[in-house]
C-alpha cells in the first residue's frame, strides 16, 4: 500500500533532519526551494542530491535511510488503520442486517394475534357443554392466529391441538360435531349480520376486547346403528370421564371487567408471569453472551492483524538494502561451509548495468 504524506510537512521533516546533521543553511534552503519531500528524496539519485549541496556520502545515506524509515512507518499505520476500518464495517453490516431481520419479523407478527382457545364438550348426563380440563387433554392454549382467518381455519387450528392424532378421550374426530364459540359460549356464524364473511379481525373489532378467547365446541353425533354396536365398556369409560367435567365454564366468583376475561385463577396467572419473566431473563443472558462473543472475535482479528504486521516488519529488517547501481565496487562477505572461522571477501565490479 502506498503511503501518503502532506508535502509541506514532509519537506519540513527532511529539512529538520538535515539541520540535526549540521548541514549548511544554503543546502537546506535548496531543499526547501526544490520541495524535496520524503518521496522525492527516495526517488533521487546521489548526483541529484549532490547538485543540491549534499556532498558527503554519510549525509546522503543517512537522509535516504531516514526517509525510507518514515515511509515504512506511515505505510504500517495506514495498513493497520485499514484493517481496523474493515473490521468495523463488517460489524456494522451485521448489525444492520440483524435490525432489518427484526423489523421484518415484527411486520410479520402484526398480521397475527394471540388467541386463547379452550375446549367445551357436550355432556349427555348434564345436557350442557362442560369445560375439558388440562388433565383430559383440554385446558386453555394460546396460539398465533392470522387476522384474516375464518371460522373453518380457526376450528382446524383447534382440532390440531385437541385432536392431535384424530382422536380424544371421547372418541374419534369424525364422530364429532364441532363448532366455534365466543367467550359467552355462543356459537359463531360463518357470516356476520351484515353479510360479510367472519374473520378474526372483524370479531376483535366487534367485541372490543384486548384478550381474545374462543372455544371449540364438540358433541358426539347420534347414529343409531353406531350406538347399537358400541360395547358397554366404552360407554362406561366415557361416562366416568364426563363425571370429571362438572366445572362450569364461567364460575360465579369470576367477573368480566370492561368486556375482558381473565385467564384462569390468580395462581395460574402468577405462574404464567413467572414463566415469562424467566424466559425473558434467559433471552437477555443469551443476547449478552452473543455480544461478548462478537467483541472477542473483533479483538482476536485485530490482534491477529497486528501479529502479521510485526512479522512482516521483522522479515523486512533481515533483508539488506540493494546496492546503488552507480557504485563502482561492492564488498560481499561469504561464509564457507568448510570452516566457520574463515571469511572471504569477493569484489563485484559493476559497469553499465552488468556485473563482473
Protein backbone atom coordinates (compact mmCIF):
# COMPACT_ATOMS: atom_id res chain seq x y z
CA UNK A 1 0.00 0.00 0.00
CA UNK A 2 1.47 3.34 -0.97
CA UNK A 3 1.91 5.79 1.90
CA UNK A 4 0.65 9.35 1.54
CA UNK A 5 2.31 12.44 3.04
CA UNK A 6 1.44 16.10 3.19
CA UNK A 7 4.10 17.79 1.05
CA UNK A 8 4.77 20.74 3.36
CA UNK A 9 5.12 18.63 6.50
CA UNK A 10 7.28 16.11 4.60
CA UNK A 11 9.67 18.87 3.43
CA UNK A 12 9.89 20.19 7.00
CA UNK A 13 10.84 16.72 8.25
CA UNK A 14 13.62 16.44 5.64
CA UNK A 15 14.98 19.91 6.44
CA UNK A 16 14.76 19.24 10.18
CA UNK A 17 16.81 16.06 9.76
CA UNK A 18 19.46 17.97 7.77
CA UNK A 19 19.71 20.62 10.49
CA UNK A 20 20.26 17.91 13.09
CA UNK A 21 23.07 16.56 10.90
CA UNK A 22 24.68 20.03 10.88
CA UNK A 23 24.12 20.67 7.18
CA UNK A 24 24.75 24.17 5.86
CA UNK A 25 21.73 26.50 5.63
CA UNK A 26 22.40 27.08 1.93
CA UNK A 27 21.86 23.39 1.23
CA UNK A 28 18.74 23.33 3.41
CA UNK A 29 17.29 26.32 1.51
CA UNK A 30 17.97 24.49 -1.75
CA UNK A 31 15.94 21.53 -0.47
CA UNK A 32 13.12 23.87 0.56
CA UNK A 33 13.09 25.69 -2.80
CA UNK A 34 13.05 22.40 -4.74
CA UNK A 35 10.33 20.99 -2.40
CA UNK A 36 12.35 17.87 -1.69
CA UNK A 37 9.97 15.87 0.45
CA UNK A 38 10.39 12.27 1.67
CA UNK A 39 9.13 10.72 -1.57
CA UNK A 40 11.35 12.95 -3.70
CA UNK A 41 14.46 12.08 -1.68
CA UNK A 42 13.79 8.34 -2.06
CA UNK A 43 13.42 8.69 -5.85
CA UNK A 44 16.51 10.92 -6.23
CA UNK A 45 19.94 9.68 -7.21
CA UNK A 46 23.16 10.59 -5.40
CA UNK A 47 24.17 13.01 -8.15
CA UNK A 48 20.92 14.95 -7.85
CA UNK A 49 21.36 15.28 -4.11
CA UNK A 50 24.96 16.41 -4.62
CA UNK A 51 23.76 19.10 -7.01
CA UNK A 52 21.58 20.45 -4.20
CA UNK A 53 24.65 20.78 -1.97
CA UNK A 54 24.61 17.48 -0.08
CA UNK A 55 28.15 16.35 -0.91
CA UNK A 56 29.11 13.98 1.89
CA UNK A 57 28.19 10.31 1.39
CA UNK A 58 27.29 9.90 5.04
CA UNK A 59 24.71 12.67 4.82
CA UNK A 60 23.23 11.17 1.63
CA UNK A 61 22.94 7.66 3.08
CA UNK A 62 21.57 8.90 6.42
CA UNK A 63 18.97 11.08 4.69
CA UNK A 64 17.84 8.27 2.41
CA UNK A 65 17.62 5.83 5.36
CA UNK A 66 15.61 8.39 7.36
CA UNK A 67 13.14 8.87 4.50
CA UNK A 68 12.72 5.11 3.91
CA UNK A 69 12.07 4.56 7.63
CA UNK A 70 9.43 7.29 7.69
CA UNK A 71 7.81 5.80 4.61
CA UNK A 72 7.61 2.33 6.20
CA UNK A 73 6.18 3.70 9.45
CA UNK A 74 3.47 5.59 7.61
CA UNK A 75 2.68 2.54 5.45
CA UNK A 76 2.34 0.33 8.55
CA UNK A 77 -0.04 2.81 10.18
CA UNK A 78 -2.17 3.01 7.05
CA UNK A 79 -2.32 -0.80 6.84
CA UNK A 80 -3.40 -1.19 10.45
CA UNK A 81 -5.97 1.62 10.13
CA UNK A 82 -7.45 -0.01 7.05
CA UNK A 83 -7.71 -3.41 8.79
CA UNK A 84 -9.49 -1.88 11.77
CA UNK A 85 -11.83 0.04 9.43
CA UNK A 86 -12.71 -3.14 7.52
CA UNK A 87 -13.49 -4.99 10.76
CA UNK A 88 -15.71 -2.18 11.99
CA UNK A 89 -17.52 -2.03 8.65
CA UNK A 90 -18.21 -5.79 8.80
CA UNK A 91 -19.59 -5.45 12.32
CA UNK A 92 -21.84 -2.54 11.30
CA UNK A 93 -23.07 -4.51 8.29
CA UNK A 94 -24.02 -7.46 10.53
CA UNK A 95 -25.81 -5.13 12.95
CA UNK A 96 -27.79 -3.51 10.11
CA UNK A 97 -28.74 -6.96 8.78
CA UNK A 98 -29.89 -8.05 12.27
CA UNK A 99 -32.01 -4.90 12.66
CA UNK A 100 -33.54 -5.46 9.21
CA UNK A 101 -34.44 -9.06 10.12
CA UNK A 102 -36.04 -7.94 13.38
CA UNK A 103 -38.09 -5.27 11.59
CA UNK A 104 -39.22 -7.86 9.04
CA UNK A 105 -40.20 -10.30 11.79
CA UNK A 106 -42.13 -7.57 13.64
CA UNK A 107 -44.02 -6.70 10.47
CA UNK A 108 -44.93 -10.33 10.00
CA UNK A 109 -46.16 -10.61 13.59
CA UNK A 110 -48.55 -7.69 13.04
CA UNK A 111 -50.61 -9.94 10.74
CA UNK A 112 -51.30 -12.41 13.58
CA UNK A 113 -52.92 -12.18 17.01
CA UNK A 114 -52.55 -14.16 20.22
CA UNK A 115 -55.76 -16.13 20.82
CA UNK A 116 -56.69 -18.25 23.85
CA UNK A 117 -58.52 -21.39 22.73
CA UNK A 118 -60.42 -23.65 25.12
CA UNK A 119 -62.43 -26.84 24.65
CA UNK A 120 -66.09 -27.48 25.53
CA UNK A 121 -67.62 -30.95 25.19
CA UNK A 122 -71.33 -31.76 25.44
CA UNK A 123 -72.23 -34.00 28.42
CA UNK A 124 -75.18 -36.30 27.84
CA UNK A 125 -75.71 -36.69 31.60
CA UNK A 126 -75.93 -32.98 32.32
CA UNK A 127 -77.27 -31.95 28.90
CA UNK A 128 -74.89 -29.00 28.57
CA UNK A 129 -71.38 -28.15 27.46
CA UNK A 130 -68.68 -28.73 30.07
CA UNK A 131 -65.12 -27.37 30.02
CA UNK A 132 -62.50 -30.08 29.44
CA UNK A 133 -59.66 -29.94 31.93
CA UNK A 134 -55.97 -29.97 31.05
CA UNK A 135 -55.51 -33.47 32.51
CA UNK A 136 -58.03 -34.77 29.96
CA UNK A 137 -56.29 -33.10 27.03
CA UNK A 138 -58.16 -29.81 27.23
CA UNK A 139 -57.21 -26.68 29.11
CA UNK A 140 -56.53 -23.25 27.66
CA UNK A 141 -53.97 -22.91 24.86
CA UNK A 142 -52.53 -19.65 23.49
CA UNK A 143 -51.68 -19.69 19.78
CA UNK A 144 -50.95 -17.20 16.98
CA UNK A 145 -53.89 -16.94 14.58
CA UNK A 146 -53.89 -14.89 11.33
CA UNK A 147 -56.21 -11.89 11.46
CA UNK A 148 -57.83 -12.92 8.17
CA UNK A 149 -58.61 -16.46 9.39
CA UNK A 150 -62.26 -17.54 9.08
CA UNK A 151 -64.22 -19.93 11.30
CA UNK A 152 -63.13 -23.10 9.49
CA UNK A 153 -59.47 -22.17 9.71
CA UNK A 154 -59.71 -21.44 13.45
CA UNK A 155 -61.59 -24.72 14.00
CA UNK A 156 -58.84 -26.56 12.12
CA UNK A 157 -56.20 -24.99 14.40
CA UNK A 158 -58.17 -26.06 17.48
CA UNK A 159 -58.66 -29.60 16.12
CA UNK A 160 -54.90 -29.95 15.63
CA UNK A 161 -54.44 -29.01 19.31
CA UNK A 162 -57.15 -31.09 20.99
CA UNK A 163 -57.38 -33.90 18.38
CA UNK A 164 -53.67 -34.25 17.57
CA UNK A 165 -53.98 -37.79 16.18
CA UNK A 166 -57.63 -37.53 15.14
CA UNK A 167 -58.90 -38.90 18.44
CA UNK A 168 -59.58 -37.83 22.01
CA UNK A 169 -60.85 -39.46 25.20
CA UNK A 170 -64.43 -39.03 23.95
CA UNK A 171 -63.89 -40.73 20.59
CA UNK A 172 -62.75 -40.04 17.04
CA UNK A 173 -62.96 -36.61 15.44
CA UNK A 174 -65.04 -37.96 12.58
CA UNK A 175 -67.74 -38.90 15.10
CA UNK A 176 -67.96 -35.37 16.48
CA UNK A 177 -69.96 -32.30 15.55
CA UNK A 178 -67.66 -29.29 16.03
CA UNK A 179 -68.33 -25.56 16.12
CA UNK A 180 -66.63 -22.35 17.26
CA UNK A 181 -67.95 -20.30 20.20
CA UNK A 182 -67.10 -16.93 21.73
CA UNK A 183 -66.26 -16.24 25.38
CA UNK A 184 -70.02 -16.40 26.18
CA UNK A 185 -70.23 -19.93 24.71
CA UNK A 186 -72.39 -18.59 21.89
CA UNK A 187 -71.86 -20.39 18.58
CA UNK A 188 -70.31 -18.11 15.95
CA UNK A 189 -71.78 -17.99 12.45
CA UNK A 190 -69.88 -18.19 9.19
CA UNK A 191 -71.10 -14.74 8.11
CA UNK A 192 -71.84 -11.56 10.04
CA UNK A 193 -75.32 -9.99 10.28
CA UNK A 194 -74.20 -7.54 7.61
CA UNK A 195 -73.48 -10.45 5.25
CA UNK A 196 -69.70 -10.17 5.39
CA UNK A 197 -67.62 -13.35 5.97
CA UNK A 198 -66.44 -13.91 9.53
CA UNK A 199 -62.78 -13.13 10.21
CA UNK A 200 -60.77 -12.82 13.41
CA UNK A 201 -60.14 -9.14 12.61
CA UNK A 202 -63.89 -8.50 12.38
CA UNK A 203 -64.53 -10.40 15.62
CA UNK A 204 -61.92 -8.34 17.54
CA UNK A 205 -63.34 -5.10 16.17
CA UNK A 206 -66.88 -6.14 17.09
CA UNK A 207 -66.16 -7.37 20.65
CA UNK A 208 -63.70 -4.57 21.52
CA UNK A 209 -61.63 -6.98 23.65
CA UNK A 210 -57.92 -6.80 24.36
CA UNK A 211 -57.66 -10.52 25.16
CA UNK A 212 -59.28 -12.82 22.60
CA UNK A 213 -60.76 -16.06 23.93
CA UNK A 214 -62.57 -18.67 21.80
CA UNK A 215 -63.86 -22.20 22.40
CA UNK A 216 -64.03 -25.34 20.32
CA UNK A 217 -67.44 -26.97 20.93
CA UNK A 218 -67.66 -30.72 20.30
CA UNK A 219 -70.62 -33.10 20.50
CA UNK A 220 -70.91 -36.75 19.57
CA UNK A 221 -73.03 -37.47 16.52
CA UNK A 222 -76.17 -39.54 17.08
CA UNK A 223 -76.02 -42.67 14.88
CA UNK A 224 -78.47 -45.37 16.00
CA UNK A 225 -76.59 -48.11 14.20
CA UNK A 226 -73.29 -46.99 15.73
CA UNK A 227 -74.78 -46.74 19.22
CA UNK A 228 -76.12 -50.33 18.99
CA UNK A 229 -72.65 -51.69 18.17
CA UNK A 230 -70.83 -49.85 20.95
CA UNK A 231 -69.78 -52.02 23.89
CA UNK A 232 -70.85 -51.22 27.40
CA UNK A 233 -67.22 -50.91 28.48
CA UNK A 234 -66.57 -47.90 26.24
CA UNK A 235 -69.77 -46.21 27.37
CA UNK A 236 -68.75 -46.71 31.00
CA UNK A 237 -65.28 -45.18 30.31
CA UNK A 238 -66.81 -42.14 28.61
CA UNK A 239 -69.31 -41.78 31.43
CA UNK A 240 -66.54 -41.88 34.04
CA UNK A 241 -64.56 -39.27 32.13
CA UNK A 242 -67.56 -36.99 31.81
CA UNK A 243 -68.09 -37.12 35.56
CA UNK A 244 -64.92 -35.02 35.93
CA UNK A 245 -66.28 -32.28 33.69
CA UNK A 246 -68.70 -30.71 36.15
CA UNK A 247 -66.76 -27.46 36.44
CA UNK A 248 -68.83 -24.61 34.90
CA UNK A 249 -67.25 -22.58 32.15
CA UNK A 250 -67.85 -19.30 33.95
CA UNK A 251 -67.61 -19.67 37.77
CA UNK A 252 -69.63 -17.25 39.84
CA UNK A 253 -66.54 -15.86 41.58
CA UNK A 254 -65.08 -14.61 38.25
CA UNK A 255 -66.46 -11.42 36.75
CA UNK A 256 -65.84 -9.84 33.39
CA UNK A 257 -64.23 -6.41 33.61
CA UNK A 258 -64.79 -3.94 30.76
CA UNK A 259 -65.55 -6.75 28.33
CA UNK A 260 -62.21 -8.53 29.14
CA UNK A 261 -61.98 -12.05 30.58
CA UNK A 262 -59.11 -13.05 32.90
CA UNK A 263 -57.05 -16.15 32.18
CA UNK A 264 -57.57 -18.80 34.89
CA UNK A 265 -57.12 -18.18 38.60
CA UNK A 266 -54.70 -15.77 40.25
CA UNK A 267 -52.27 -18.61 40.96
CA UNK A 268 -52.25 -19.67 37.29
CA UNK A 269 -51.70 -16.08 36.17
CA UNK A 270 -48.81 -15.72 38.63
CA UNK A 271 -47.21 -18.92 37.31
CA UNK A 272 -47.56 -17.67 33.72
CA UNK A 273 -45.99 -14.33 34.68
CA UNK A 274 -43.05 -16.07 36.41
CA UNK A 275 -42.51 -18.32 33.39
CA UNK A 276 -42.50 -15.27 31.08
CA UNK A 277 -40.03 -13.44 33.34
CA UNK A 278 -37.75 -16.48 33.36
CA UNK A 279 -37.86 -16.79 29.55
CA UNK A 280 -37.09 -13.07 29.22
CA UNK A 281 -34.10 -13.37 31.58
CA UNK A 282 -32.78 -16.36 29.63
CA UNK A 283 -33.18 -14.49 26.33
CA UNK A 284 -31.41 -11.44 27.76
CA UNK A 285 -28.50 -13.57 29.02
CA UNK A 286 -28.24 -15.24 25.61
CA UNK A 287 -28.08 -11.85 23.86
CA UNK A 288 -25.33 -10.71 26.24
CA UNK A 289 -23.28 -13.85 25.53
CA UNK A 290 -23.65 -13.26 21.78
CA UNK A 291 -22.48 -9.64 22.09
CA UNK A 292 -19.48 -10.70 24.20
CA UNK A 293 -18.61 -13.37 21.63
CA UNK A 294 -18.71 -10.79 18.82
CA UNK A 295 -16.50 -8.41 20.81
CA UNK A 296 -13.93 -11.15 21.44
CA UNK A 297 -13.94 -12.07 17.73
CA UNK A 298 -13.19 -8.44 16.75
CA UNK A 299 -10.37 -8.21 19.32
CA UNK A 300 -8.95 -11.50 18.06
CA UNK A 301 -8.96 -10.27 14.45
CA UNK A 302 -7.20 -7.04 15.45
CA UNK A 303 -4.57 -8.95 17.44
CA UNK A 304 -4.04 -11.35 14.52
CA UNK A 305 -3.56 -8.45 12.09
CA UNK A 306 -1.07 -6.81 14.49
CA UNK A 307 0.97 -10.05 14.75
CA UNK A 308 1.07 -10.37 10.96
CA UNK A 309 2.25 -6.77 10.68
CA UNK A 310 5.07 -7.26 13.20
CA UNK A 311 6.14 -10.45 11.42
CA UNK A 312 6.26 -8.62 8.10
CA UNK A 313 8.37 -5.84 9.61
CA UNK A 314 10.80 -8.35 11.14
CA UNK A 315 11.26 -10.07 7.80
CA UNK A 316 11.91 -6.75 6.03
CA UNK A 317 14.57 -5.79 8.61
CA UNK A 318 16.50 -9.01 7.89
CA UNK A 319 16.85 -8.13 4.18
CA UNK A 320 19.84 -5.94 3.35
CA UNK A 321 19.18 -2.96 1.03
CA UNK A 322 20.09 -3.34 -2.64
CA UNK A 323 23.37 -1.62 -3.67
CA UNK A 324 23.12 1.51 -5.76
CA UNK A 325 23.69 0.96 -9.50
CA UNK A 326 26.19 3.85 -9.61
CA UNK A 327 28.51 2.34 -7.02
CA UNK A 328 31.74 1.10 -8.65
CA UNK A 329 32.52 -1.58 -6.07
CA UNK A 330 30.51 -3.71 -3.63
CA UNK A 331 32.02 -5.93 -0.92
CA UNK A 332 30.21 -9.21 -0.25
CA UNK A 333 31.14 -11.42 2.73
CA UNK A 334 30.57 -15.15 2.22
CA UNK A 335 30.76 -17.83 4.89
CA UNK A 336 32.38 -21.01 3.58
CA UNK A 337 30.94 -24.29 4.83
CA UNK A 338 34.39 -25.90 5.27
CA UNK A 339 35.45 -23.58 8.07
CA UNK A 340 33.20 -21.33 10.13
CA UNK A 341 36.16 -19.17 11.26
CA UNK A 342 37.19 -18.14 7.74
CA UNK A 343 35.56 -15.39 5.75
CA UNK A 344 36.47 -14.38 2.23
CA UNK A 345 35.74 -11.07 0.54
CA UNK A 346 34.57 -11.09 -3.06
CA UNK A 347 34.63 -7.90 -5.07
CA UNK A 348 31.93 -7.31 -7.67
CA UNK A 349 32.51 -4.62 -10.21
CA UNK A 350 29.58 -3.04 -11.97
CA UNK A 351 29.84 -1.35 -15.31
CA UNK A 352 26.93 -0.06 -17.39
CA UNK A 353 24.35 -2.25 -15.60
CA UNK A 354 26.38 -5.50 -15.85
CA UNK A 355 28.34 -7.19 -13.10
CA UNK A 356 31.79 -8.82 -13.30
